[in-house]
Protein backbone atom coordinates (compact mmCIF):
# COMPACT_ATOMS: atom_id res chain seq x y z
CA MET A 1 -17.79 8.03 -14.00
CA ASN A 2 -16.29 9.07 -10.70
CA PRO A 3 -17.85 12.55 -9.72
CA TYR A 4 -15.00 13.10 -7.11
CA ARG A 5 -12.11 12.85 -9.62
CA PHE A 6 -10.53 16.16 -10.63
CA SER A 7 -7.31 17.38 -12.10
CA GLY A 8 -4.38 18.69 -10.05
CA ALA A 9 -0.74 19.56 -10.11
CA ARG A 10 2.24 17.65 -8.64
CA LEU A 11 5.55 19.26 -8.17
CA SER A 12 7.74 18.50 -11.23
CA PHE A 13 5.83 15.64 -12.57
CA ALA A 14 5.24 15.63 -16.26
CA LEU A 15 2.57 13.14 -15.74
CA ARG A 16 -1.20 14.03 -15.44
CA LEU A 17 -2.17 13.38 -11.89
CA PHE A 18 -5.64 13.48 -10.21
CA LEU A 19 -6.92 14.20 -6.75
CA LEU A 20 -9.78 12.32 -5.40
CA SER A 21 -11.50 13.47 -2.61
CA GLY A 22 -13.39 11.11 -0.43
CA ILE A 23 -11.09 8.31 0.66
CA LEU A 24 -9.81 7.41 4.12
CA HIS A 25 -6.87 6.31 6.20
CA PRO A 26 -6.01 3.29 8.54
CA ALA A 27 -5.41 3.65 12.25
CA PHE A 28 -3.54 1.97 15.18
CA GLY A 29 -4.79 0.32 18.54
CA CYS A 30 -3.99 -3.13 18.06
CA SER A 31 -4.04 -5.84 20.80
CA ASP A 32 -1.52 -8.77 20.93
CA SER A 33 -4.10 -11.12 19.74
CA SER A 34 -4.86 -9.14 16.52
CA VAL A 35 -1.26 -9.00 15.26
CA ALA A 36 0.31 -11.72 13.13
CA PRO A 37 4.03 -11.54 13.49
CA ARG A 38 6.54 -13.36 11.55
CA GLY A 39 6.25 -17.11 12.23
CA GLU A 40 2.45 -17.41 12.43
CA ASP A 41 1.34 -18.49 9.02
CA THR A 42 -1.77 -16.35 7.64
CA ARG A 43 -0.85 -16.96 4.01
CA GLY A 44 -3.18 -19.91 3.68
CA GLY A 45 -1.51 -20.82 0.28
CA PRO A 46 1.44 -22.19 -1.38
CA GLY A 47 4.76 -20.20 -1.30
CA PRO A 48 6.58 -18.61 -4.20
CA ASP A 49 8.08 -22.00 -5.16
CA GLY A 50 5.08 -23.96 -4.58
CA GLY A 51 5.67 -24.81 -0.98
CA GLY A 52 3.37 -24.18 1.92
CA GLY A 53 3.98 -22.00 5.02
CA ASP A 54 5.96 -23.22 7.98
CA GLY A 55 2.77 -24.72 9.55
CA GLY A 56 3.01 -22.28 12.41
CA GLY A 57 1.76 -19.33 10.86
CA PRO A 58 2.96 -16.57 8.23
CA VAL A 59 6.58 -16.03 7.54
CA TRP A 60 5.98 -13.78 4.61
CA TRP A 61 8.33 -14.56 1.89
CA SER A 62 9.79 -11.22 2.16
CA CYS A 63 10.64 -11.74 5.69
CA ALA A 64 12.51 -15.20 5.79
CA THR A 65 15.35 -13.23 7.30
CA PRO A 66 13.82 -11.20 10.18
CA LYS A 67 13.53 -7.39 9.70
CA THR A 68 12.73 -4.91 12.43
CA CYS A 69 10.63 -1.58 11.86
CA GLY A 70 9.85 0.85 14.30
CA GLY A 71 10.72 -1.42 17.00
CA GLY A 72 8.32 -4.11 15.70
CA ASP A 73 8.41 -6.67 12.94
CA CYS A 74 8.47 -5.35 9.53
CA CYS A 75 6.13 -8.27 8.40
CA ALA A 76 3.45 -7.84 11.03
CA SER A 77 -0.02 -7.44 9.99
CA ALA A 78 -3.09 -6.68 12.08
CA LEU A 79 -6.64 -7.83 11.87
CA VAL A 80 -8.92 -5.29 10.68
CA THR A 81 -12.49 -6.20 11.82
CA GLY A 82 -15.02 -5.70 9.26
CA GLY A 83 -18.16 -3.47 9.35
CA THR A 84 -19.86 -0.63 7.47
CA PHE A 85 -18.63 2.80 7.11
CA ASN A 86 -19.45 5.71 4.84
CA ARG A 87 -16.99 6.80 1.90
CA LEU A 88 -16.67 10.27 0.41
CA GLN A 89 -16.21 12.27 3.56
CA ASN A 90 -18.56 10.22 5.56
CA ASN A 91 -21.29 10.59 2.85
CA ALA A 92 -24.31 8.25 3.89
CA GLU A 93 -25.23 7.77 0.20
CA TYR A 94 -22.09 5.85 -0.27
CA PRO A 95 -21.80 3.21 2.41
CA ALA A 96 -19.52 0.28 2.04
CA THR A 97 -19.48 -3.19 4.05
CA LEU A 98 -16.28 -5.10 4.44
CA SER A 99 -15.39 -8.57 5.79
CA ASP A 100 -12.58 -9.08 8.17
CA PHE A 101 -8.98 -8.97 6.69
CA ARG A 102 -5.55 -8.39 7.72
CA LEU A 103 -3.56 -5.34 6.54
CA ASP A 104 0.22 -4.90 7.07
CA LEU A 105 1.11 -2.66 9.85
CA TYR A 106 4.07 -0.98 7.65
CA GLU A 107 4.81 0.14 4.28
CA VAL A 108 6.81 -2.34 2.32
CA THR A 109 10.50 -1.66 3.03
CA VAL A 110 13.50 -1.85 0.95
CA GLY A 111 14.80 -4.84 2.78
CA ARG A 112 11.49 -6.76 2.10
CA PHE A 113 11.41 -5.67 -1.58
CA ARG A 114 15.03 -6.86 -1.93
CA ALA A 115 13.85 -10.42 -1.11
CA PHE A 116 11.42 -10.30 -4.07
CA VAL A 117 13.76 -9.05 -6.41
CA ASP A 118 16.68 -11.40 -5.38
CA ALA A 119 14.02 -14.35 -5.92
CA GLY A 120 13.73 -13.14 -9.61
CA LYS A 121 10.24 -12.05 -9.42
CA GLY A 122 8.28 -9.18 -10.71
CA THR A 123 9.50 -9.43 -14.43
CA ARG A 124 8.25 -10.71 -17.77
CA ALA A 125 10.77 -13.69 -17.26
CA SER A 126 8.90 -14.58 -13.97
CA PRO A 127 5.54 -12.96 -13.71
CA PRO A 128 2.72 -13.76 -11.28
CA ALA A 129 0.53 -16.54 -12.37
CA PRO A 130 -2.86 -15.55 -13.65
CA GLY A 131 -5.14 -14.94 -10.69
CA ALA A 132 -2.44 -14.49 -8.09
CA GLY A 133 -3.05 -11.96 -5.69
CA ALA A 134 -6.93 -12.12 -5.93
CA ARG A 135 -9.04 -10.59 -3.21
CA PRO A 136 -11.45 -13.40 -2.03
CA ASN A 137 -14.79 -13.41 -3.61
CA LEU A 138 -13.95 -10.61 -6.01
CA SER A 139 -13.96 -11.31 -9.71
CA ARG A 140 -11.01 -10.36 -11.83
CA SER A 141 -9.21 -8.99 -8.90
CA GLY A 142 -6.10 -11.30 -9.37
CA TRP A 143 -3.39 -11.01 -11.72
CA LEU A 144 -4.35 -10.73 -15.49
CA LYS A 145 -2.12 -12.19 -18.10
CA GLU A 146 -2.15 -9.09 -19.97
CA PHE A 147 -0.34 -7.35 -17.18
CA ASP A 148 2.64 -9.29 -17.93
CA ASP A 149 3.81 -6.91 -20.84
CA LYS A 150 3.75 -4.17 -18.24
CA LEU A 151 6.63 -5.74 -16.26
CA VAL A 152 10.38 -5.18 -17.30
CA ALA A 153 12.23 -7.76 -19.08
CA ASP A 154 14.31 -9.48 -16.44
CA THR A 155 15.74 -8.94 -12.84
CA ALA A 156 18.79 -6.85 -14.22
CA ALA A 157 16.27 -4.56 -15.89
CA LEU A 158 14.18 -4.17 -12.72
CA ARG A 159 17.11 -3.44 -10.57
CA ALA A 160 18.07 -0.62 -13.04
CA ALA A 161 14.60 0.50 -13.05
CA PHE A 162 14.45 1.78 -9.62
CA ALA A 163 16.10 4.92 -10.43
CA CYS A 164 13.12 7.41 -10.11
CA ASP A 165 11.43 9.20 -13.14
CA ASP A 166 11.35 12.45 -10.95
CA GLY A 167 14.39 13.19 -9.28
CA SER A 168 16.52 10.31 -8.03
CA ILE A 169 15.27 10.06 -4.61
CA GLU A 170 15.14 6.34 -4.87
CA SER A 171 15.38 4.57 -1.56
CA TRP A 172 16.68 1.22 -3.46
CA THR A 173 20.36 0.59 -3.32
CA PRO A 174 22.34 -1.89 -5.22
CA ALA A 175 23.41 -3.79 -2.24
CA PRO A 176 22.08 -3.99 1.26
CA GLY A 177 23.16 -1.05 3.34
CA THR A 178 21.56 1.74 5.57
CA GLN A 179 18.42 2.15 3.62
CA GLU A 180 16.85 -1.20 4.17
CA ASN A 181 14.32 0.16 6.45
CA LEU A 182 13.15 3.00 4.36
CA PRO A 183 9.89 2.46 2.53
CA MET A 184 10.41 1.00 -0.91
CA ASN A 185 9.67 3.87 -3.60
CA CYS A 186 9.79 4.15 -7.47
CA ILE A 187 7.80 1.01 -8.14
CA THR A 188 4.90 0.81 -10.45
CA TRP A 189 1.45 -0.39 -9.77
CA TYR A 190 2.23 -3.58 -11.52
CA GLU A 191 5.27 -4.24 -9.32
CA ALA A 192 3.50 -3.51 -6.32
CA PHE A 193 0.71 -5.98 -7.20
CA ALA A 194 3.25 -8.64 -8.20
CA PHE A 195 5.02 -8.13 -4.81
CA CYS A 196 1.87 -8.48 -2.73
CA ALA A 197 0.88 -11.62 -4.82
CA TRP A 198 4.28 -13.26 -4.16
CA ASP A 199 4.34 -12.25 -0.36
CA GLY A 200 0.84 -14.07 0.12
CA GLY A 201 -1.46 -11.30 0.03
CA TRP A 202 -2.84 -8.75 -2.31
CA LEU A 203 -3.28 -5.04 -3.12
CA PRO A 204 -5.72 -3.57 -0.86
CA THR A 205 -8.88 -2.36 -2.37
CA ALA A 206 -9.77 1.35 -1.98
CA ALA A 207 -12.46 0.35 0.40
CA GLU A 208 -10.20 -1.88 2.53
CA TRP A 209 -7.59 0.83 2.65
CA ASN A 210 -10.18 3.60 3.45
CA TYR A 211 -11.89 1.75 6.12
CA ALA A 212 -8.62 0.85 8.00
CA ALA A 213 -7.49 4.51 7.48
CA VAL A 214 -10.63 5.99 9.11
CA GLY A 215 -10.90 3.49 11.98
CA GLY A 216 -13.98 1.92 10.44
CA ASN A 217 -17.27 3.37 11.53
CA GLU A 218 -15.44 5.88 13.86
CA GLN A 219 -14.94 7.85 10.46
CA ARG A 220 -11.80 9.48 11.84
CA ASN A 221 -10.27 12.54 9.95
CA TYR A 222 -6.95 11.04 10.49
CA PRO A 223 -5.63 7.55 11.33
CA TRP A 224 -5.03 8.46 14.99
CA GLY A 225 -8.21 10.33 15.39
CA ASN A 226 -9.28 13.95 14.93
CA ASP A 227 -6.32 15.80 16.38
CA ALA A 228 -4.54 18.00 13.81
CA ILE A 229 -1.62 16.71 12.02
CA ASP A 230 1.92 17.51 12.90
CA THR A 231 5.32 16.14 12.22
CA THR A 232 5.29 14.07 15.33
CA ARG A 233 2.51 12.05 13.78
CA ALA A 234 3.47 12.01 10.01
CA VAL A 235 6.39 12.44 7.52
CA TYR A 236 5.47 15.28 5.30
CA GLY A 237 6.05 18.82 4.23
CA CYS A 238 9.11 18.80 1.65
CA THR A 239 6.88 20.76 -0.89
CA THR A 240 9.87 22.19 -2.73
CA GLN A 241 12.66 20.10 -3.39
CA CYS A 242 12.72 16.71 -1.51
CA THR A 243 15.80 14.67 -0.91
CA LEU A 244 16.45 11.20 0.31
CA ALA A 245 17.07 12.61 3.75
CA ASP A 246 13.38 13.69 3.97
CA LEU A 247 12.19 9.97 3.71
CA ASP A 248 12.07 8.51 7.35
CA PRO A 249 12.25 4.56 8.20
CA VAL A 250 8.92 3.09 8.30
CA GLY A 251 7.13 3.19 11.54
CA SER A 252 9.33 6.29 12.75
CA LYS A 253 6.03 8.15 13.80
CA SER A 254 4.84 5.14 15.93
CA PRO A 255 2.78 5.00 18.14
CA LYS A 256 1.65 8.64 17.99
CA GLY A 257 0.81 8.60 14.30
CA ASP A 258 -0.70 5.05 14.20
CA GLY A 259 -4.38 4.24 13.67
CA LYS A 260 -7.04 2.28 15.22
CA TRP A 261 -5.74 -1.27 14.41
CA GLY A 262 -1.85 -0.41 14.84
CA HIS A 263 -1.03 0.81 11.18
CA ALA A 264 1.99 3.34 10.86
CA ASP A 265 2.44 5.82 8.12
CA LEU A 266 -1.04 5.63 6.79
CA VAL A 267 -0.68 9.25 6.09
CA GLY A 268 2.71 10.62 4.95
CA ASN A 269 6.04 9.13 3.84
CA LEU A 270 4.68 7.60 0.47
CA TRP A 271 1.41 7.38 -1.45
CA GLU A 272 0.30 3.72 -1.26
CA TRP A 273 -1.05 1.92 -4.15
CA SER A 274 -4.41 0.28 -4.19
CA LEU A 275 -6.22 -2.25 -6.51
CA ASP A 276 -8.89 0.16 -7.81
CA THR A 277 -9.14 2.00 -11.10
CA GLY A 278 -10.15 5.60 -10.68
CA ALA A 279 -13.10 5.17 -13.17
CA SER A 280 -16.21 4.54 -10.93
CA LEU A 281 -17.19 4.43 -7.23
CA PRO A 282 -19.05 1.21 -6.96
CA LYS A 283 -22.45 1.47 -5.27
CA PRO A 284 -23.66 -0.59 -3.48
CA CYS A 285 -20.35 -1.74 -2.05
CA ASN A 286 -20.04 -5.18 -0.31
CA ASN A 287 -16.22 -6.05 -0.34
CA CYS A 288 -16.12 -4.11 -3.62
CA ALA A 289 -13.57 -2.54 -5.71
CA SER A 290 -13.50 -0.51 -9.09
CA LEU A 291 -12.10 -2.85 -11.71
CA VAL A 292 -13.55 -1.46 -14.87
CA ALA A 293 -11.29 -0.38 -17.65
CA ASP A 294 -9.63 2.95 -17.04
CA PRO A 295 -6.02 3.98 -17.61
CA ASP A 296 -5.26 5.07 -13.92
CA ARG A 297 -5.00 3.46 -10.66
CA MET A 298 -5.91 5.03 -7.18
CA SER A 299 -3.34 5.55 -4.36
CA PHE A 300 -3.86 6.92 -0.84
CA GLY A 301 -2.23 8.46 2.23
CA GLY A 302 -0.12 11.47 0.85
CA SER A 303 3.64 11.38 1.08
CA VAL A 304 6.61 13.10 2.26
CA SER A 305 6.18 15.91 -0.48
CA SER A 306 2.46 16.36 0.43
CA ASP A 307 1.02 19.39 2.11
CA THR A 308 -1.59 19.02 4.87
CA ARG A 309 -4.55 19.21 2.14
CA ASP A 310 -3.39 15.74 1.06
CA LEU A 311 -2.86 14.30 4.36
CA THR A 312 -6.51 13.64 5.79
CA ALA A 313 -8.08 10.36 5.89
CA TRP A 314 -10.43 11.58 3.03
CA ARG A 315 -7.91 12.24 0.37
CA GLY A 316 -6.65 10.02 -2.43
CA ARG A 317 -5.60 10.45 -6.13
CA THR A 318 -5.53 8.41 -9.36
CA VAL A 319 -2.18 8.12 -11.42
CA PRO A 320 -0.98 6.23 -14.40
CA PRO A 321 -0.01 2.66 -13.03
CA GLU A 322 3.24 2.82 -14.97
CA MET A 323 4.36 5.91 -12.98
CA ARG A 324 7.55 5.11 -11.06
CA SER A 325 7.67 8.08 -8.63
CA TYR A 326 9.85 8.69 -5.36
CA ASP A 327 6.44 9.33 -3.35
CA HIS A 328 4.85 6.04 -4.18
CA GLY A 329 5.03 2.85 -2.37
CA VAL A 330 2.88 0.02 -1.13
CA ARG A 331 1.55 -2.04 1.82
CA CYS A 332 -0.18 -5.31 1.42
CA ALA A 333 -3.52 -6.80 2.60
CA ARG A 334 -3.86 -10.69 3.67
CA PRO A 335 -6.17 -13.39 4.10
CA LEU A 336 -7.28 -14.04 7.86
CA LYS A 337 -5.22 -17.33 7.75
C-alpha cells in the first residue's frame, strides 16, 4: 500500500482523484550531443508496419512530416543520464537508481497524435502487439492483451472520443488547423500507452519521470531549479473555469521553464500519464515500476487548471486509466538507440 496516497477534489470531476505527494519533475540544460532530433534513429526496433528506421537515426513515426515546437523539433528527445536520487520529497529511505534513457523534450502534440490516429492505430481493430512498449528489463511493462478491451472499437470511434468528459476543452480538431502544436489532451492511459509504443518508445515509469523532473541527484523543487514558480515558467492557474485559450502550445515557456536535460512543460499545461499504478512504491528500486494490480494509474506535473500546490517536482496523483480529461496528456520515454 502506498502511504502517500490520499483523496483530493478536482474542479467539476465526478471521478475520484487522488493526490500523491513525493514525486519529481524533469529539467532542461541539454547539450547538442544529448538531443536526438528527427532523423537520428534511436528507436532500435521495427516501425509500425514492420519496417526499421531510416538507418540515420529516429524519425519517430509521429513526425514523418516535420513539426516544430517552441522553436525546436516536436519529436526531439534528450538523453537523461542515469544515477540515484531520493523519491518522496528527497526521502533517503526511498532511493531509486536508473539507467540512462531518453525522454521526449515536449508533450505529445495534436499534430503528432493525428499521425497515430490517421495510421489507424490505438483501437480494438488495431491494438498494440502484446509486449509492445515494454521498458527494457522490466517484466510485464509492455502492452497486455487484456488492455485491448479498454480501447474503442475503431478509428471513427476514436476520433469521436476526443470530446472531453469534463468541459469540451479538447485540443483535437477533426482536420489539421491552428491547434496542431497544442498538447494532445482527452486521451486515456491506454491510448497514451498505445501511442508511445507505436512511436518507438514507452510510457515513462514514475521513477524515470521523477528523476528527470528533479534533475537527478540535484533534487530540485522545480524542473528549472528552486526559484519560485510563475507564469513565465509554466502554464497554470485557470482554477475556476478553464477554456481552450488557457492551453498554450508546447514549449511556450522554454527555455525559462525547462529542466536540467532540456525538457519543457514538466510542470503545467497538462498532467502526464506514467506507466505505474498507485498501489505501491517499489523498494528497493532499480529501474523499477509499480505494476501490481490496482484500478488507477499515476500522472505527474500538474496542469493548466492546477494551483501552485500541484506544481512542484514532488507532486503526483493517481486517477482511473479510463479517464478522458482536458488536463491530461503524455510524453514518451525511449531507448538509447
